[in-house]
Protein backbone atom coordinates (compact mmCIF):
# COMPACT_ATOMS: atom_id res chain seq x y z
CA MET A 1 0.01 -0.06 0.03
CA THR A 2 1.34 3.44 -0.86
CA PRO A 3 2.21 5.84 2.06
CA HIS A 4 -0.27 8.14 3.69
CA ALA A 5 1.01 11.69 3.95
CA VAL A 6 -0.53 14.58 5.91
CA ILE A 7 0.41 18.06 4.61
CA THR A 8 -0.55 21.16 6.44
CA GLY A 9 -1.02 24.43 4.60
CA ALA A 10 -1.54 22.52 1.40
CA SER A 11 -3.73 25.09 -0.51
CA ALA A 12 -1.03 27.00 -2.20
CA GLY A 13 2.71 27.41 -2.67
CA ILE A 14 5.14 24.83 -1.35
CA GLY A 15 2.37 22.71 0.33
CA ALA A 16 0.38 22.42 -2.96
CA ALA A 17 3.55 21.63 -4.87
CA ILE A 18 4.40 18.76 -2.44
CA ALA A 19 0.87 17.43 -2.64
CA ALA A 20 0.98 17.45 -6.47
CA LEU A 21 4.31 15.66 -6.53
CA LEU A 22 3.24 12.94 -4.02
CA GLY A 23 -0.01 12.51 -5.81
CA ARG A 24 1.72 11.91 -9.13
CA ASN A 25 3.63 9.15 -7.33
CA GLY A 26 0.44 7.56 -6.08
CA TRP A 27 0.55 8.45 -2.44
CA ARG A 28 -2.54 8.73 -0.27
CA LEU A 29 -2.91 12.35 0.73
CA SER A 30 -4.66 14.23 3.55
CA LEU A 31 -4.48 17.85 2.88
CA GLY A 32 -5.35 20.56 5.33
CA ALA A 33 -5.74 24.41 5.04
CA ARG A 34 -7.91 27.17 6.03
CA ARG A 35 -8.85 27.79 2.41
CA VAL A 36 -10.53 24.51 1.73
CA ASP A 37 -11.94 25.64 -1.59
CA ARG A 38 -8.38 25.67 -2.97
CA LEU A 39 -7.61 22.03 -2.02
CA PRO A 40 -7.80 19.36 -4.78
CA ARG A 41 -10.76 17.00 -4.58
CA ASP A 42 -8.83 13.83 -5.42
CA ALA A 43 -7.52 13.61 -1.80
CA TYR A 44 -8.90 13.83 1.70
CA ALA A 45 -9.13 17.62 1.92
CA ALA A 46 -10.58 19.49 4.95
CA HIS A 47 -10.36 22.68 6.92
CA LEU A 48 -7.32 22.90 9.21
CA ASP A 49 -6.32 25.71 11.43
CA VAL A 50 -3.01 24.54 13.04
CA THR A 51 -3.25 27.16 15.81
CA ASP A 52 -6.50 25.47 17.06
CA GLU A 53 -6.06 22.14 18.82
CA ALA A 54 -9.73 21.22 18.27
CA SER A 55 -9.33 21.88 14.51
CA VAL A 56 -6.16 19.75 14.48
CA ALA A 57 -8.01 16.84 16.23
CA ARG A 58 -10.96 16.96 13.79
CA PHE A 59 -8.72 17.14 10.74
CA LEU A 60 -6.56 14.23 11.85
CA GLU A 61 -9.63 12.12 12.77
CA GLY A 62 -10.87 12.61 9.26
CA ALA A 63 -7.52 11.83 7.72
CA ARG A 64 -7.22 8.54 9.57
CA ALA A 65 -10.80 7.56 8.70
CA ALA A 66 -10.08 8.21 5.03
CA HIS A 67 -6.55 6.66 4.72
CA GLY A 68 -5.67 4.91 7.96
CA GLY A 69 -2.37 5.47 9.87
CA ILE A 70 -0.20 8.48 9.04
CA ASP A 71 3.25 7.49 7.55
CA VAL A 72 4.47 11.02 6.77
CA LEU A 73 3.75 14.33 8.30
CA ILE A 74 4.83 17.48 6.43
CA ASN A 75 4.60 20.54 8.60
CA ASN A 76 4.35 23.17 5.90
CA ALA A 77 1.89 25.66 7.37
CA GLY A 78 3.63 28.92 8.33
CA LYS A 79 3.76 32.59 7.50
CA ALA A 80 5.53 35.91 7.89
CA LYS A 81 3.58 39.02 8.83
CA GLY A 82 4.85 42.54 8.41
CA LEU A 83 8.38 43.83 7.89
CA ALA A 84 9.13 46.55 10.43
CA PRO A 85 11.77 47.14 13.05
CA LEU A 86 11.01 45.67 16.49
CA ALA A 87 10.37 49.14 17.94
CA GLU A 88 7.69 49.72 15.41
CA ALA A 89 6.15 46.37 14.71
CA ASP A 90 2.65 45.25 15.36
CA PRO A 91 2.44 42.78 18.28
CA ALA A 92 -0.51 41.12 16.63
CA HIS A 93 1.78 40.09 13.82
CA TRP A 94 4.21 38.60 16.34
CA ARG A 95 1.45 36.61 17.96
CA GLU A 96 0.17 35.31 14.55
CA MET A 97 3.61 34.11 13.53
CA VAL A 98 4.43 32.43 16.85
CA GLU A 99 1.02 30.76 16.99
CA THR A 100 1.26 29.45 13.46
CA ASN A 101 4.98 28.74 12.99
CA VAL A 102 5.74 27.36 16.36
CA MET A 103 2.61 26.38 18.33
CA GLY A 104 0.94 25.11 15.11
CA VAL A 105 3.81 22.73 14.39
CA LEU A 106 3.80 21.52 18.00
CA HIS A 107 0.05 20.93 17.95
CA VAL A 108 0.06 18.76 14.79
CA THR A 109 3.34 16.93 15.51
CA ARG A 110 2.16 16.06 19.09
CA ALA A 111 -1.00 14.54 17.65
CA VAL A 112 0.78 12.43 15.07
CA LEU A 113 4.16 11.44 16.50
CA PRO A 114 2.98 8.85 19.15
CA GLU A 115 1.48 6.60 16.45
CA MET A 116 4.78 6.69 14.51
CA ILE A 117 6.69 5.75 17.62
CA ARG A 118 4.33 2.94 18.38
CA ARG A 119 4.48 1.55 14.85
CA GLY A 120 8.30 1.87 14.65
CA SER A 121 8.24 3.92 11.43
CA GLY A 122 7.27 7.29 10.08
CA HIS A 123 8.77 10.53 8.81
CA VAL A 124 8.29 14.08 10.04
CA VAL A 125 9.28 16.78 7.61
CA MET A 126 9.55 20.46 8.65
CA ILE A 127 9.50 23.21 6.08
CA GLY A 128 11.86 25.65 7.61
CA SER A 129 13.69 28.70 6.16
CA ILE A 130 17.04 30.17 5.65
CA ALA A 131 15.70 32.68 8.19
CA GLY A 132 16.25 29.97 10.83
CA HIS A 133 19.94 30.07 10.05
CA GLU A 134 20.47 33.79 9.33
CA THR A 135 18.75 36.75 10.95
CA TYR A 136 17.77 39.90 8.81
CA GLU A 137 16.61 43.24 10.02
CA LYS A 138 12.93 43.88 10.27
CA GLY A 139 12.35 40.20 10.44
CA GLY A 140 13.53 39.27 13.92
CA VAL A 141 10.40 37.57 15.16
CA TYR A 142 9.88 35.56 11.94
CA CYS A 143 13.50 34.48 12.10
CA ALA A 144 13.08 33.53 15.75
CA THR A 145 10.12 31.32 14.84
CA LYS A 146 12.12 29.48 12.24
CA ARG A 147 15.10 29.14 14.59
CA ALA A 148 12.76 27.66 17.13
CA LEU A 149 11.69 25.13 14.50
CA GLN A 150 15.27 23.99 14.33
CA ALA A 151 15.51 23.28 17.94
CA ILE A 152 12.15 21.50 17.84
CA THR A 153 13.29 19.32 14.97
CA GLU A 154 16.57 18.43 16.63
CA ALA A 155 14.82 17.52 19.86
CA ILE A 156 12.32 15.25 18.09
CA ARG A 157 15.24 13.53 16.32
CA LEU A 158 16.96 12.90 19.68
CA GLU A 159 13.75 11.84 21.36
CA THR A 160 12.78 9.29 18.69
CA LEU A 161 16.27 7.76 18.31
CA GLY A 162 15.95 4.05 17.94
CA THR A 163 12.21 4.08 16.99
CA GLY A 164 12.62 4.06 13.26
CA VAL A 165 11.06 7.54 12.88
CA ARG A 166 12.90 9.86 10.58
CA VAL A 167 13.07 13.68 10.98
CA THR A 168 14.00 16.12 8.23
CA SER A 169 14.04 19.83 7.87
CA VAL A 170 13.99 21.38 4.35
CA ASP A 171 14.99 25.00 4.67
CA PRO A 172 14.59 27.12 1.47
CA GLY A 173 15.92 30.58 0.70
CA LEU A 174 14.08 32.91 -1.66
CA VAL A 175 11.05 31.10 -3.15
CA GLU A 176 8.43 32.86 -5.23
CA THR A 177 5.07 31.91 -3.68
CA GLU A 178 2.29 33.89 -1.94
CA PHE A 179 4.62 34.28 1.06
CA SER A 180 5.34 37.97 0.42
CA VAL A 181 1.70 38.73 -0.51
CA VAL A 182 0.69 37.42 2.93
CA ARG A 183 3.52 39.20 4.62
CA PHE A 184 2.35 42.53 3.13
CA ASP A 185 -1.33 42.03 3.73
CA GLY A 186 -2.26 41.47 0.10
CA ASP A 187 -0.05 44.16 -1.44
CA LYS A 188 0.94 42.36 -4.61
CA GLU A 189 2.96 45.21 -6.02
CA ARG A 190 5.11 45.39 -3.00
CA ALA A 191 5.33 41.55 -2.85
CA ALA A 192 6.49 41.44 -6.51
CA LYS A 193 9.53 43.67 -5.74
CA VAL A 194 10.88 40.92 -3.46
CA TYR A 195 11.44 38.73 -6.53
CA ALA A 196 12.17 41.45 -9.18
CA ASP A 197 15.19 41.16 -11.32
CA THR A 198 16.38 37.84 -9.95
CA ARG A 199 15.51 34.16 -10.35
CA PRO A 200 14.08 32.72 -7.11
CA LEU A 201 13.34 29.09 -6.37
CA THR A 202 9.91 27.78 -7.24
CA ALA A 203 7.61 25.78 -4.98
CA ASP A 204 8.31 22.73 -7.23
CA ASP A 205 12.09 23.10 -6.51
CA VAL A 206 11.40 22.77 -2.74
CA ALA A 207 8.93 19.93 -3.39
CA GLU A 208 11.67 17.99 -5.13
CA CYS A 209 13.94 18.37 -2.08
CA VAL A 210 11.16 17.01 0.11
CA TRP A 211 10.77 14.03 -2.31
CA PHE A 212 14.48 13.29 -2.18
CA ALA A 213 14.37 12.98 1.59
CA LEU A 214 11.30 10.90 1.58
CA SER A 215 12.40 8.51 -1.06
CA ARG A 216 15.69 7.47 0.60
CA PRO A 217 15.75 3.95 2.13
CA ALA A 218 14.34 3.55 5.61
CA HIS A 219 17.77 3.36 7.18
CA VAL A 220 18.83 6.78 5.70
CA ASN A 221 17.71 10.03 7.38
CA VAL A 222 18.39 13.35 5.65
CA ASP A 223 18.66 15.70 8.63
CA LEU A 224 18.67 18.99 6.73
CA ILE A 225 18.42 20.38 3.23
CA LEU A 226 19.36 24.11 3.06
CA VAL A 227 18.47 25.15 -0.55
CA LYS A 228 18.95 28.54 -2.12
CA PRO A 229 18.70 29.85 -5.65
CA THR A 230 21.90 30.46 -7.54
CA ASP A 231 21.24 34.15 -7.29
CA GLN A 232 21.22 34.08 -3.51
CA ALA A 233 24.40 33.83 -1.40
CA SER A 234 22.93 34.59 1.95
CA VAL A 235 19.63 35.75 3.36
CA GLY A 236 20.48 39.39 2.55
CA ARG A 237 22.73 38.94 -0.51
CA VAL A 238 20.62 38.48 -3.67
CA HIS A 239 21.93 39.11 -7.19
CA ARG A 240 19.59 41.32 -9.13
CA ARG A 241 20.03 42.03 -12.88
CA ALA A 242 19.80 45.74 -13.91
């Protein structure tokens, strides 16, 4: 039987690209997002708000009813909100990022990991960010959430040692998705400038990295994939063509 993968934040961007790739390979999919209307109908697709434990429980109950035990969890749901110095930032933006990027990952992982440990197999994949490795000005809280994800990932790997559970973090640099549109509250013109005159990664590029980690033999764990476009040397150094 093909593996059963749960993907959070699967309605767009990297999550949707991962779902499409796994679907082409015949995997059973359970896809969660707040924008249910954008989820494909050829999979179990349901509303999921990772910040709400009750929503997480309902979604996973439906996923297990549809496809049985969960073999792979892909923690993709996450966001950045705002781009302002700490002294001027909106605390509501901080709370939204922490609740989604940190607490959301904890809620979903805590609800799935025990069954993997009992079964002696499973794979948890975190979609992190270059921002977890390098901090940039006006993005301190977002960077902090992604750095926290690194610590959580490492702790899970230590805590599951010997159980057969694999734990991977895929941390992309500049990727052209709706990420910047969300960050700038729907300002598409401002968001477009983030990717102007350069060649960023695509969501499909990141999905291929996830597939590489998932498709290794069971005795191989890919701890971390840090992937950037050729035009990016660091979080703040991006080559732009005149």
